[in-house]
Amino acid sequence: MQLRDVTPDDLDAYVRMRCDPVMMADLGGPRPAAEMPALIRRDTEKAAADTAWIKMIVPDPATPWIVAGTVNLWAHDTDDGPLSEIGWMVLPDHQRQGLGKRAVRALLEQARDTDRWGIVHAYPSTANAASNGICRSVGFRLVGETDVPFAGQVFRANHWSIDPRTDLT
């Protein structure tokens, strides 16, 4: 498995992830396909500027055009100040193979090795057993439940945190 920056060529993967009702069930439902070109353009610009790590999960480096999903790390402002957040999505035909866990761990190791991002937070839906399992197995600490706004809606999430510099298991 390897991680690489998102490119405009990943539009199809964005559509398959973000416009699919099953993939987006815990995130307020599918997004309109018409939004994807602007979203990938924004993400490509952020990755190129290194203001966010927007990575595509490539299961086999010998076939870099086959993408299993995405793992992202970014910072944003909250009422309590700046916060670093990680999120991921793995396409159905690549789930249950450990790719999500390996991708999250690899990105957190990169954060540790570059001493960037500080404490990292994750907010998987309380109903998303797989993502909560990844948090648990990688070494995140459960902070509690919270309501999280996303795409104009609010959903119930588990709030997890990890300091990659000291907490990776």
Foldseek 3Di string as FASTA:
>chain_A
DDKDQQDLLCLVVCCLQQQDQVNCVQPPGHDDSVCSNVVSVVRNVCCVVVQKGWIFQQPDPVCRSDTFWIKIWHWDADPVGIAIEIDITGHPVPPPPCSVLVVVLVVLLVCQVVVPRFKYKYWGAPPPPVVVVSCVVQFWDFPAWDWDDHPNDIGITTITIDGSNPGGD
